[in-house]
Protein backbone atom coordinates (compact mmCIF):
# COMPACT_ATOMS: atom_id res chain seq x y z
CA MET A 1 6.81 -16.41 -14.10
CA LYS A 2 5.55 -14.31 -17.00
CA ILE A 3 2.11 -12.72 -16.75
CA LYS A 4 0.10 -11.15 -19.57
CA VAL A 5 -1.32 -7.69 -18.94
CA SER A 6 -3.78 -5.80 -21.19
CA TYR A 7 -2.93 -2.12 -21.60
CA ASP A 8 -4.29 0.19 -24.30
CA ASN A 9 -5.73 -2.76 -26.29
CA THR A 10 -2.31 -4.41 -26.45
CA LYS A 11 -0.99 -7.38 -24.48
CA GLN A 12 2.26 -6.92 -22.60
CA THR A 13 4.23 -9.58 -20.77
CA LEU A 14 5.75 -8.88 -17.38
CA GLU A 15 8.15 -10.95 -15.34
CA VAL A 16 6.85 -11.35 -11.77
CA ASP A 17 7.58 -13.57 -8.79
CA ARG A 18 5.04 -16.45 -8.73
CA ASP A 19 4.82 -16.71 -4.94
CA GLU A 20 4.34 -12.97 -4.45
CA MET A 21 1.58 -12.89 -7.07
CA TRP A 22 -0.11 -15.88 -5.41
CA LEU A 23 -0.17 -13.99 -2.11
CA SER A 24 -1.12 -10.58 -3.55
CA LEU A 25 -4.13 -12.10 -5.41
CA SER A 26 -5.17 -14.00 -2.21
CA LEU A 27 -5.63 -17.32 -3.99
CA GLY A 28 -5.52 -19.44 -0.85
CA ASP A 29 -3.60 -22.63 -0.26
CA ALA A 30 -1.25 -23.93 -2.99
CA ASP A 31 -0.63 -27.42 -1.50
CA GLY A 32 -0.51 -30.18 -4.09
CA MET A 33 -0.46 -27.82 -7.11
CA THR A 34 2.23 -27.96 -9.72
CA SER A 35 4.05 -24.86 -10.87
CA ALA A 36 2.16 -24.81 -14.18
CA GLU A 37 -1.23 -25.09 -12.40
CA MET A 38 -0.24 -22.21 -10.06
CA GLU A 39 0.77 -20.01 -12.97
CA LYS A 40 -2.46 -20.82 -14.88
CA ARG A 41 -4.58 -20.00 -11.78
CA ILE A 42 -2.66 -16.71 -11.20
CA GLN A 43 -3.17 -15.68 -14.84
CA GLU A 44 -6.93 -16.57 -14.66
CA LYS A 45 -7.42 -14.50 -11.48
CA PHE A 46 -5.40 -11.59 -12.91
CA ASN A 47 -7.51 -11.69 -16.09
CA GLU A 48 -10.67 -11.73 -14.00
CA LEU A 49 -9.61 -8.74 -11.91
CA PHE A 50 -7.67 -6.51 -14.26
CA ASN A 51 -7.71 -7.65 -17.89
CA ARG A 52 -11.46 -7.30 -18.42
CA PRO A 53 -12.55 -5.22 -21.39
CA GLU A 54 -14.81 -3.11 -19.13
CA TYR A 55 -11.90 -2.34 -16.86
CA ASN A 56 -9.75 -0.95 -19.61
CA ASN A 57 -12.52 0.63 -21.71
CA TRP A 58 -14.34 2.59 -18.99
CA HIS A 59 -14.34 5.74 -21.17
CA ARG A 60 -16.73 4.06 -23.60
CA HIS A 61 -19.55 4.36 -21.07
CA ASP A 62 -19.33 8.04 -20.26
CA ARG A 63 -17.57 9.59 -23.19
CA HIS A 64 -20.62 11.74 -23.99
CA SER A 65 -20.96 13.12 -20.44
CA SER A 66 -20.06 16.73 -20.58
CA PRO A 67 -21.47 19.74 -18.72
CA THR A 68 -22.86 21.16 -21.95
CA SER A 69 -24.64 18.08 -23.20
CA ALA A 70 -28.25 17.31 -22.37
CA PRO A 71 -28.50 15.21 -19.19
CA LYS A 72 -29.34 11.58 -19.59
CA LYS A 73 -32.54 10.17 -18.24
CA LEU A 74 -32.48 7.13 -16.04
CA ASP A 75 -33.71 5.01 -18.91
CA GLY A 76 -30.53 5.90 -20.84
CA THR A 77 -32.17 8.15 -23.43
CA LYS A 78 -31.18 11.70 -23.97
CA GLY A 79 -33.57 14.50 -24.29
CA ARG A 80 -34.88 17.69 -22.83
CA VAL A 81 -35.41 17.58 -19.07
CA GLN A 82 -39.13 17.79 -18.41
CA LEU A 83 -40.22 19.75 -15.37
CA VAL A 84 -42.73 18.25 -12.93
CA ASP A 85 -45.19 21.01 -13.76
CA ASP A 86 -44.99 24.37 -15.52
CA GLU A 87 -44.86 26.40 -12.31
CA SER A 88 -42.15 24.36 -10.55
CA ASP A 89 -38.42 24.75 -11.03
CA GLU A 90 -37.79 21.19 -9.84
CA PRO A 91 -36.72 18.71 -12.54
CA ALA A 92 -38.60 15.45 -12.93
CA GLY A 93 -37.37 12.46 -10.97
CA ASN A 94 -36.03 10.64 -14.02
CA THR A 95 -32.84 12.69 -14.44
CA ILE A 96 -29.32 12.25 -13.20
CA ASP A 97 -27.46 15.17 -11.68
CA LEU A 98 -24.07 15.59 -13.36
CA PHE A 99 -22.86 17.90 -10.58
CA PRO A 100 -23.63 17.63 -6.87
CA ASP A 101 -25.66 20.32 -5.22
CA MET A 102 -23.20 22.28 -3.03
CA THR A 103 -25.59 25.05 -1.91
CA ASP A 104 -25.82 23.73 1.66
CA VAL A 105 -22.01 23.67 1.99
CA ILE A 106 -21.73 27.18 0.53
CA ASN A 107 -24.48 28.50 2.82
CA ARG A 108 -22.85 26.85 5.83
CA ASP A 109 -19.48 28.42 4.97
CA LYS A 110 -21.14 31.83 4.57
CA GLN A 111 -22.84 31.39 7.95
CA TYR A 112 -19.54 30.48 9.62
CA GLU A 113 -17.83 33.50 8.10
CA TYR A 114 -20.75 35.78 9.10
CA GLU A 115 -20.56 34.51 12.71
CA ALA A 116 -16.78 34.91 12.77
CA VAL A 117 -16.94 38.53 11.50
CA CYS A 118 -19.74 39.40 13.94
CA GLY A 119 -17.84 37.80 16.79
CA MET A 120 -14.70 39.72 15.87
CA LEU A 121 -16.58 43.04 15.76
CA ARG A 122 -18.25 42.36 19.10
CA LYS A 123 -14.89 41.45 20.63
CA TYR A 124 -13.03 44.60 19.62
CA LEU A 125 -15.76 47.29 19.54
CA LYS A 126 -18.36 48.53 21.94
CA PRO A 127 -21.61 46.52 21.76
CA GLU A 128 -23.68 49.39 20.32
CA GLN A 129 -21.07 50.18 17.68
CA ALA A 130 -20.63 46.53 16.74
CA GLU A 131 -24.37 46.02 16.31
CA LEU A 132 -24.63 49.21 14.24
CA LEU A 133 -21.82 48.07 11.88
CA ILE A 134 -23.30 44.56 11.62
CA GLU A 135 -26.80 45.80 10.84
CA ILE A 136 -25.88 48.52 8.35
CA HIS A 137 -22.78 47.14 6.58
CA ILE A 138 -23.20 43.38 6.81
CA ASN A 139 -26.99 42.91 6.95
CA LYS A 140 -27.57 45.87 4.56
CA VAL A 141 -30.34 47.45 6.65
CA PRO A 142 -31.04 51.06 5.49
CA LYS A 143 -30.15 53.81 7.96
CA GLN A 144 -33.73 55.11 8.04
CA GLU A 145 -35.10 51.66 8.88
CA TYR A 146 -32.49 51.17 11.60
CA ALA A 147 -33.32 54.61 13.03
CA ALA A 148 -37.07 53.89 13.03
CA ARG A 149 -36.56 50.47 14.65
CA ASN A 150 -34.42 51.93 17.45
CA GLY A 151 -36.37 55.18 17.91
CA ILE A 152 -33.59 57.59 16.94
CA THR A 153 -33.15 60.04 14.14
CA PRO A 154 -31.36 59.11 10.88
CA SER A 155 -28.76 61.88 11.49
CA ALA A 156 -27.94 60.25 14.86
CA VAL A 157 -27.50 56.91 13.10
CA SER A 158 -25.13 58.56 10.56
CA HIS A 159 -23.11 60.18 13.32
CA ARG A 160 -22.86 56.93 15.35
CA LEU A 161 -21.96 55.05 12.20
CA GLU A 162 -19.10 57.46 11.46
CA THR A 163 -17.80 57.02 15.02
CA ALA A 164 -18.07 53.23 14.75
CA GLU A 165 -16.24 53.23 11.39
CA LYS A 166 -13.48 55.40 12.84
CA ASN A 167 -13.02 53.03 15.80
CA PHE A 168 -13.10 50.10 13.39
CA LYS A 169 -10.28 51.62 11.36
CA LYS A 170 -8.24 52.10 14.53
CA VAL A 171 -8.55 48.42 15.39
CA PHE A 172 -8.16 47.14 11.80
CA PRO A 173 -5.98 49.71 9.92
CA THR A 174 -5.57 47.61 6.70
CA SER A 175 -7.93 45.41 4.80
CA SER A 176 -7.25 41.82 3.78
CA SER A 177 -8.19 40.07 0.59
CA PHE A 178 -8.48 36.77 2.46
CA SER A 179 -11.69 35.53 4.01
CA ILE A 180 -12.01 35.58 7.80
CA ALA A 181 -11.90 31.80 7.82
CA ARG A 182 -8.29 31.86 6.55
CA GLY A 183 -7.09 34.03 9.47
């Protein structure tokens, strides 16, 4: 059987097996139908599923969607996104996000990496040295603040930090450009 297929606004004719098309389109029972009726029903179902203008011209609906264009409102009009109020950074509820918000995924990945690095430091270094490296290098706590919190002098913190860094370099002699999550 020959079937007509729309592609790029042109009709093309393909030779296909009638019985296979009948089964693939799930048209049901073919008892009592002539060959011409079956072919007509197959072409109608194929037109309904695949030869629709909307199916082939999908780009017409979102051709103006680009990251640099103004976002559309839910009513279909374009325009400047109005904020809920002047002090809020939240957009009004009538806008469509063009890109999903991935901040929770990024924050979760950062938290996993932070926990992995801290666990690795605690595994290979003494607990006091590991906590010192975590607080000063990872959490960015100033040495004076760390000293005041633990009741020691800033020079003692500097000396302990040098010792911890020296032990760290013994355990991990080279650095890696890969994140801890990659191994």
